[in-house]
Amino acid sequence: MDRFDMLTRFVETARLGSFSAAAALLGLPKSSISQAVTKLEKQLGTRLFNRSTRSVSLTSDGEIFLPQSIALLSEWDALQSQFISSPDNVSGELRIDMPSRFATNILLPVLGEFISAYPNITLRVSSVDRKVDLVKEGFDCVIRVGALTDSNLIARRLLTYPIYNCVSPGYATKWGIPQSLADLADHKLIDYSHSLSHKAPEFEYMKDGKRHALEMQSLLSVNSTQAYFAACASGLGIAQIPSVGVESDLKEGKLIRVLPEFEAQAMPVNLLYPSRRQMPLRLKVFSEWLVDKLRENKKPC
């Protein structure tokens, strides 16, 4: 067993919090995982894990060692990638997190083409409406919608989403359709907030190239994109929804677009990955394929 094998087993154990889970993921006996970690601890002269009967957790030294181990494995992976030319030789696991609507409406319908082109890359796609830690949670990249907040990551613009103001037919029947900003005083806004804070809900719109916000009444605040779409479809208020996935609902009359002249700034969609000197080849080919696919489908990049 070489040192990179030991590091891989350590990293997966740390990420999953279990020798058994790491063994299942890597397709190895549980004993080989624990033996590798024990050998690594002896070489380093320190304990990396606190062990219990059901789980393991990182010690303070383990917390320090983990990001360095991930970085080293990434560098090794990138170095190997420089000498691979055939798609059949591009292999490994690619872990990606993205918003559920992006996965459902954009990626998954065309992902079979990527799998056919690169059959030796195993994809693990996560769709959670929260910020993930790429290093601690073991993701190679994430796709994020909206303004960027993490300056430690490299960003590649994929596309932009226009934002539509939408209501359901049921809402329009009950409350009417607003014709002006002044009409919004008699309407309800569905508030989207990651933190479910007590901040007053705001209707955002662009005018003369500047962002404006108008406080509105709201009876509902959600922190999930799925819940946000469902609340709008159920007639619970006005929602300011990214265009992806709602075009068909608008055409079929399931949703109604209102106040198109007062819509929020289009939201950027970016592919984010750690700041590394070399990008793993499996990530490089995925990002290039995704950009090409979006252009092919005439998505605005």
Foldseek 3Di string as FASTA:
>chain_A
DDPLVLLQLLLLQALVFALVVSCVVVVHDSVVSVVSQVVVCVVVVHHQWDDDPGGIHGDPVVVVVQLVSVQVNQVVLLVVQVPDDALQPQADEAEEEEAPLCVVQPCVVCVVVVCVRRVRYHYHYHHDLDDDDCRSNVHQKYKDKADDDDPQKDKDFQFWFFWFWKAFPVLCVVQNADADPVSQQSFAEEAEDLVPDPPFGWAWFDDPRDIDTDGHHYPHYDHGPVVQVVCRLVGRGIYTGGPRPCPVCCVVRSMDTGPPVGHHDIMIMIMIGGDHPGRRPVVVVVVVVSSVSCVVVVGGD
